[in-house]
Amino acid sequence: MKRKLLAGALAAMMLLTAGCDDEAMEESTDQKVAAQQVEVRGQFPTFTTTTLDGEPVTNQIFSGKKLTVVNLWADYCGPCQAEMPELGEWAREMPEGVQLIGLVCDVQGANDYQTIGAAQDILDDADADFINIIPSGDMMNFLSKVEAVPTTFFVDGNGNIVGDPIVGADVDGYKDFVDEYLGN
């Protein structure tokens, strides 16, 4: 079982790694390309995991919110790092009932201190003080469908993925989706 989980995690990480190069990211900022690259619909997977700080978190994090912006990123991804300061600023100004959560896809568990440290350094340098979680085995099937980082999903209070994911660093696109969803 552990071997299958590790193999799945490695396959997901290879897919994500393959998607985060400068050329691919330039192309993926186009919304048409983004819609073609990610075919993820339905419910965000039920999960139990921890934050980068080791605090427990489950999919109940979506409850009580109108919308959660889930930004899937990796510490090796230049476009991911480049958007962090803007994401940090936006997280402090989000509309009521909306939250931002980072999902640091290249962390290989709670004992991956090197990657956790690198991710925390990126967040600290960017003044991006929002919740960031570690992927768990519960998320591997979901993550295997994602071709590039950053990819941003929108999840309602019931855990449903709403709208189309946005592939590429596009904070203005995230904000536009949130405004449209809220009817602003």
C-alpha atoms as a PDB file:
ATOM      1  CA  MET A   1       0.000   0.000   0.000  1.00  0.00           C
ATOM      2  CA  LYS A   2       2.774   2.434   0.933  1.00  0.00           C
ATOM      3  CA  ARG A   3       4.575   1.608  -2.308  1.00  0.00           C
ATOM      4  CA  LYS A   4       1.426   2.347  -4.360  1.00  0.00           C
ATOM      5  CA  LEU A   5       0.900   5.626  -2.526  1.00  0.00           C
ATOM      6  CA  LEU A   6       4.517   6.649  -3.091  1.00  0.00           C
ATOM      7  CA  ALA A   7       4.304   5.687  -6.780  1.00  0.00           C
ATOM      8  CA  GLY A   8       1.135   7.758  -7.141  1.00  0.00           C
ATOM      9  CA  ALA A   9       2.726  10.711  -5.394  1.00  0.00           C
ATOM     10  CA  LEU A  10       5.797  10.515  -7.609  1.00  0.00           C
ATOM     11  CA  ALA A  11       3.660  10.332 -10.751  1.00  0.00           C
ATOM     12  CA  ALA A  12       1.683  13.379  -9.649  1.00  0.00           C
ATOM     13  CA  MET A  13       4.843  15.312  -8.861  1.00  0.00           C
ATOM     14  CA  MET A  14       6.372  14.449 -12.256  1.00  0.00           C
ATOM     15  CA  LEU A  15       3.280  15.806 -13.965  1.00  0.00           C
ATOM     16  CA  LEU A  16       3.397  18.971 -11.910  1.00  0.00           C
ATOM     17  CA  THR A  17       7.142  19.390 -12.427  1.00  0.00           C
ATOM     18  CA  ALA A  18       6.777  18.989 -16.163  1.00  0.00           C
ATOM     19  CA  GLY A  19       4.250  21.808 -16.251  1.00  0.00           C
ATOM     20  CA  CYS A  20       6.252  24.501 -14.509  1.00  0.00           C
ATOM     21  CA  ASP A  21       8.717  25.850 -16.997  1.00  0.00           C
ATOM     22  CA  ASP A  22       8.800  29.411 -18.293  1.00  0.00           C
ATOM     23  CA  GLU A  23       7.616  28.542 -21.810  1.00  0.00           C
ATOM     24  CA  ALA A  24       4.729  26.413 -20.576  1.00  0.00           C
ATOM     25  CA  MET A  25       3.694  29.056 -18.062  1.00  0.00           C
ATOM     26  CA  GLU A  26       3.681  31.823 -20.695  1.00  0.00           C
ATOM     27  CA  GLU A  27       1.373  29.744 -22.852  1.00  0.00           C
ATOM     28  CA  SER A  28      -0.815  28.623 -19.965  1.00  0.00           C
ATOM     29  CA  THR A  29      -1.857  32.101 -18.872  1.00  0.00           C
ATOM     30  CA  ASP A  30      -4.305  32.153 -21.779  1.00  0.00           C
ATOM     31  CA  GLN A  31      -7.714  31.135 -20.379  1.00  0.00           C
ATOM     32  CA  LYS A  32      -8.425  28.855 -23.361  1.00  0.00           C
ATOM     33  CA  VAL A  33      -5.250  26.905 -22.731  1.00  0.00           C
ATOM     34  CA  ALA A  34      -6.062  26.743 -19.027  1.00  0.00           C
ATOM     35  CA  ALA A  35      -9.488  25.233 -19.681  1.00  0.00           C
ATOM     36  CA  GLN A  36      -7.910  22.599 -21.948  1.00  0.00           C
ATOM     37  CA  GLN A  37      -5.144  21.671 -19.514  1.00  0.00           C
ATOM     38  CA  VAL A  38      -7.170  20.970 -16.397  1.00  0.00           C
ATOM     39  CA  GLU A  39     -10.240  18.780 -16.438  1.00  0.00           C
ATOM     40  CA  VAL A  40     -11.119  18.794 -12.756  1.00  0.00           C
ATOM     41  CA  ARG A  41     -14.739  18.990 -11.730  1.00  0.00           C
ATOM     42  CA  GLY A  42     -16.974  17.970  -8.879  1.00  0.00           C
ATOM     43  CA  GLN A  43     -15.986  17.736  -5.263  1.00  0.00           C
ATOM     44  CA  PHE A  44     -12.590  18.661  -3.850  1.00  0.00           C
ATOM     45  CA  PRO A  45     -11.325  15.439  -2.261  1.00  0.00           C
ATOM     46  CA  THR A  46     -11.998  14.754   1.388  1.00  0.00           C
ATOM     47  CA  PHE A  47      -8.681  15.115   3.177  1.00  0.00           C
ATOM     48  CA  THR A  48      -6.859  15.174   6.476  1.00  0.00           C
ATOM     49  CA  THR A  49      -3.490  16.902   6.464  1.00  0.00           C
ATOM     50  CA  THR A  50      -1.470  19.607   8.183  1.00  0.00           C
ATOM     51  CA  THR A  51      -0.429  23.145   7.480  1.00  0.00           C
ATOM     52  CA  LEU A  52       3.230  23.966   6.887  1.00  0.00           C
ATOM     53  CA  ASP A  53       3.284  24.881  10.586  1.00  0.00           C
ATOM     54  CA  GLY A  54       2.059  21.400  11.573  1.00  0.00           C
ATOM     55  CA  GLU A  55      -1.503  22.360  12.487  1.00  0.00           C
ATOM     56  CA  PRO A  56      -4.151  19.750  11.575  1.00  0.00           C
ATOM     57  CA  VAL A  57      -6.614  20.654   8.832  1.00  0.00           C
ATOM     58  CA  THR A  58      -9.383  18.820   6.985  1.00  0.00           C
ATOM     59  CA  ASN A  59     -11.718  19.629   4.130  1.00  0.00           C
ATOM     60  CA  GLN A  60     -13.929  21.249   6.792  1.00  0.00           C
ATOM     61  CA  ILE A  61     -11.770  24.322   6.158  1.00  0.00           C
ATOM     62  CA  PHE A  62     -14.178  25.131   3.299  1.00  0.00           C
ATOM     63  CA  SER A  63     -17.254  25.166   5.586  1.00  0.00           C
ATOM     64  CA  GLY A  64     -18.696  28.515   6.499  1.00  0.00           C
ATOM     65  CA  LYS A  65     -17.010  30.278   3.585  1.00  0.00           C
ATOM     66  CA  LYS A  66     -18.710  31.477   0.448  1.00  0.00           C
ATOM     67  CA  LEU A  67     -15.593  30.661  -1.531  1.00  0.00           C
ATOM     68  CA  THR A  68     -12.084  29.358  -0.991  1.00  0.00           C
ATOM     69  CA  VAL A  69      -9.340  30.122  -3.493  1.00  0.00           C
ATOM     70  CA  VAL A  70      -6.953  27.129  -3.524  1.00  0.00           C
ATOM     71  CA  ASN A  71      -3.597  28.013  -5.072  1.00  0.00           C
ATOM     72  CA  LEU A  72      -1.558  24.914  -5.963  1.00  0.00           C
ATOM     73  CA  TRP A  73       2.112  25.861  -6.044  1.00  0.00           C
ATOM     74  CA  ALA A  74       5.645  24.499  -5.643  1.00  0.00           C
ATOM     75  CA  ASP A  75       8.824  25.954  -4.171  1.00  0.00           C
ATOM     76  CA  TYR A  76      10.789  25.277  -7.406  1.00  0.00           C
ATOM     77  CA  CYS A  77       8.310  27.184  -9.615  1.00  0.00           C
ATOM     78  CA  GLY A  78       9.366  30.709 -10.605  1.00  0.00           C
ATOM     79  CA  PRO A  79       5.859  31.908 -11.577  1.00  0.00           C
ATOM     80  CA  CYS A  80       4.532  30.560  -8.267  1.00  0.00           C
ATOM     81  CA  GLN A  81       7.124  32.518  -6.328  1.00  0.00           C
ATOM     82  CA  ALA A  82       6.577  35.652  -8.427  1.00  0.00           C
ATOM     83  CA  GLU A  83       2.864  35.841  -7.592  1.00  0.00           C
ATOM     84  CA  MET A  84       3.304  35.260  -3.831  1.00  0.00           C
ATOM     85  CA  PRO A  85       3.669  38.938  -2.808  1.00  0.00           C
ATOM     86  CA  GLU A  86       0.481  39.819  -4.678  1.00  0.00           C
ATOM     87  CA  LEU A  87      -1.337  36.799  -3.209  1.00  0.00           C
ATOM     88  CA  GLY A  88      -0.202  37.821   0.266  1.00  0.00           C
ATOM     89  CA  GLU A  89      -1.552  41.328  -0.231  1.00  0.00           C
ATOM     90  CA  TRP A  90      -4.822  40.014  -1.671  1.00  0.00           C
ATOM     91  CA  ALA A  91      -5.280  37.567   1.225  1.00  0.00           C
ATOM     92  CA  ARG A  92      -5.274  40.530   3.624  1.00  0.00           C
ATOM     93  CA  GLU A  93      -7.919  42.359   1.542  1.00  0.00           C
ATOM     94  CA  MET A  94     -10.244  39.502   0.538  1.00  0.00           C
ATOM     95  CA  PRO A  95     -13.981  40.064   0.607  1.00  0.00           C
ATOM     96  CA  GLU A  96     -15.895  38.763   3.608  1.00  0.00           C
ATOM     97  CA  GLY A  97     -16.565  35.038   3.374  1.00  0.00           C
ATOM     98  CA  VAL A  98     -13.630  34.381   1.020  1.00  0.00           C
ATOM     99  CA  GLN A  99     -10.306  32.800   1.969  1.00  0.00           C
ATOM    100  CA  LEU A 100      -7.068  31.879   0.233  1.00  0.00           C
ATOM    101  CA  ILE A 101      -5.304  28.590   0.895  1.00  0.00           C
ATOM    102  CA  GLY A 102      -2.018  27.477  -0.611  1.00  0.00           C
ATOM    103  CA  LEU A 103      -1.437  23.808  -1.410  1.00  0.00           C
ATOM    104  CA  VAL A 104       2.330  23.250  -1.596  1.00  0.00           C
ATOM    105  CA  CYS A 105       2.383  20.281  -3.960  1.00  0.00           C
ATOM    106  CA  ASP A 106       6.062  19.369  -3.763  1.00  0.00           C
ATOM    107  CA  VAL A 107       6.135  18.749  -0.007  1.00  0.00           C
ATOM    108  CA  GLN A 108       6.480  14.999   0.515  1.00  0.00           C
ATOM    109  CA  GLY A 109       4.889  14.794   3.956  1.00  0.00           C
ATOM    110  CA  ALA A 110       5.228  16.386   7.367  1.00  0.00           C
ATOM    111  CA  ASN A 111       8.851  15.199   7.702  1.00  0.00           C
ATOM    112  CA  ASP A 112      10.022  16.858   4.466  1.00  0.00           C
ATOM    113  CA  TYR A 113      11.700  19.605   6.454  1.00  0.00           C
ATOM    114  CA  GLN A 114      13.822  20.870   3.565  1.00  0.00           C
ATOM    115  CA  THR A 115      10.882  21.589   1.255  1.00  0.00           C
ATOM    116  CA  ILE A 116       8.715  22.873   4.093  1.00  0.00           C
ATOM    117  CA  GLY A 117      11.529  25.246   5.070  1.00  0.00           C
ATOM    118  CA  ALA A 118      11.972  26.441   1.487  1.00  0.00           C
ATOM    119  CA  ALA A 119       8.213  27.054   1.161  1.00  0.00           C
ATOM    120  CA  GLN A 120       8.112  28.934   4.471  1.00  0.00           C
ATOM    121  CA  ASP A 121      11.063  31.100   3.355  1.00  0.00           C
ATOM    122  CA  ILE A 122       9.236  31.973   0.121  1.00  0.00           C
ATOM    123  CA  LEU A 123       6.095  32.890   2.027  1.00  0.00           C
ATOM    124  CA  ASP A 124       8.036  34.948   4.597  1.00  0.00           C
ATOM    125  CA  ASP A 125       9.999  36.818   1.902  1.00  0.00           C
ATOM    126  CA  ALA A 126       6.754  37.576   0.055  1.00  0.00           C
ATOM    127  CA  ASP A 127       4.861  38.642   3.215  1.00  0.00           C
ATOM    128  CA  ALA A 128       2.289  36.022   2.242  1.00  0.00           C
ATOM    129  CA  ASP A 129       0.655  35.126   5.541  1.00  0.00           C
ATOM    130  CA  PHE A 130      -2.169  32.794   4.543  1.00  0.00           C
ATOM    131  CA  ILE A 131      -2.767  29.120   5.314  1.00  0.00           C
ATOM    132  CA  ASN A 132      -0.631  26.708   3.300  1.00  0.00           C
ATOM    133  CA  ILE A 133      -1.251  22.990   3.499  1.00  0.00           C
ATOM    134  CA  ILE A 134       0.716  19.865   2.659  1.00  0.00           C
ATOM    135  CA  PRO A 135      -0.781  17.399   0.171  1.00  0.00           C
ATOM    136  CA  SER A 136      -1.931  14.152   1.720  1.00  0.00           C
ATOM    137  CA  GLY A 137      -2.465  10.727   0.210  1.00  0.00           C
ATOM    138  CA  ASP A 138      -6.167  11.601   0.026  1.00  0.00           C
ATOM    139  CA  MET A 139      -5.329  14.214  -2.625  1.00  0.00           C
ATOM    140  CA  MET A 140      -3.082  12.180  -4.943  1.00  0.00           C
ATOM    141  CA  ASN A 141      -5.746  11.141  -7.455  1.00  0.00           C
ATOM    142  CA  PHE A 142      -6.915  14.749  -7.639  1.00  0.00           C
ATOM    143  CA  LEU A 143      -3.376  16.124  -8.021  1.00  0.00           C
ATOM    144  CA  SER A 144      -2.571  13.642 -10.775  1.00  0.00           C
ATOM    145  CA  LYS A 145      -5.083  15.500 -12.996  1.00  0.00           C
ATOM    146  CA  VAL A 146      -3.208  18.799 -12.671  1.00  0.00           C
ATOM    147  CA  GLU A 147      -0.626  19.443 -15.379  1.00  0.00           C
ATOM    148  CA  ALA A 148       1.094  22.620 -14.201  1.00  0.00           C
ATOM    149  CA  VAL A 149       1.737  24.884 -11.269  1.00  0.00           C
ATOM    150  CA  PRO A 150       0.521  27.337 -10.318  1.00  0.00           C
ATOM    151  CA  THR A 151      -3.038  26.143 -10.815  1.00  0.00           C
ATOM    152  CA  THR A 152      -5.803  27.831  -8.867  1.00  0.00           C
ATOM    153  CA  PHE A 153      -9.149  26.243  -7.993  1.00  0.00           C
ATOM    154  CA  PHE A 154     -12.258  27.770  -6.520  1.00  0.00           C
ATOM    155  CA  VAL A 155     -14.158  25.762  -3.905  1.00  0.00           C
ATOM    156  CA  ASP A 156     -17.540  26.627  -2.389  1.00  0.00           C
ATOM    157  CA  GLY A 157     -18.531  26.120   1.234  1.00  0.00           C
ATOM    158  CA  ASN A 158     -19.730  22.585   0.474  1.00  0.00           C
ATOM    159  CA  GLY A 159     -16.402  21.533  -1.029  1.00  0.00           C
ATOM    160  CA  ASN A 160     -17.555  21.727  -4.649  1.00  0.00           C
ATOM    161  CA  ILE A 161     -15.114  22.972  -7.269  1.00  0.00           C
ATOM    162  CA  VAL A 162     -16.828  25.870  -9.019  1.00  0.00           C
ATOM    163  CA  GLY A 163     -15.822  27.464 -12.303  1.00  0.00           C
ATOM    164  CA  ASP A 164     -12.754  26.527 -14.289  1.00  0.00           C
ATOM    165  CA  PRO A 165      -9.346  26.261 -12.689  1.00  0.00           C
ATOM    166  CA  ILE A 166      -6.874  28.924 -13.777  1.00  0.00           C
ATOM    167  CA  VAL A 167      -3.502  27.601 -14.901  1.00  0.00           C
ATOM    168  CA  GLY A 168      -0.629  30.038 -14.607  1.00  0.00           C
ATOM    169  CA  ALA A 169       0.077  33.020 -12.407  1.00  0.00           C
ATOM    170  CA  ASP A 170      -2.945  35.290 -12.931  1.00  0.00           C
ATOM    171  CA  VAL A 171      -3.953  37.040  -9.708  1.00  0.00           C
ATOM    172  CA  ASP A 172      -6.159  39.481 -11.649  1.00  0.00           C
ATOM    173  CA  GLY A 173      -7.969  36.467 -13.141  1.00  0.00           C
ATOM    174  CA  TYR A 174      -8.472  34.987  -9.654  1.00  0.00           C
ATOM    175  CA  LYS A 175      -9.866  38.295  -8.422  1.00  0.00           C
ATOM    176  CA  ASP A 176     -12.176  38.593 -11.436  1.00  0.00           C
ATOM    177  CA  PHE A 177     -13.556  35.101 -10.799  1.00  0.00           C
ATOM    178  CA  VAL A 178     -14.181  35.874  -7.118  1.00  0.00           C
ATOM    179  CA  ASP A 179     -15.942  39.154  -7.995  1.00  0.00           C
ATOM    180  CA  GLU A 180     -18.127  37.422 -10.602  1.00  0.00           C
ATOM    181  CA  TYR A 181     -18.937  34.548  -8.249  1.00  0.00           C
ATOM    182  CA  LEU A 182     -19.955  36.954  -5.486  1.00  0.00           C
ATOM    183  CA  GLY A 183     -21.968  39.064  -7.920  1.00  0.00           C
ATOM    184  CA  ASN A 184     -19.813  42.174  -7.504  1.00  0.00           C
END
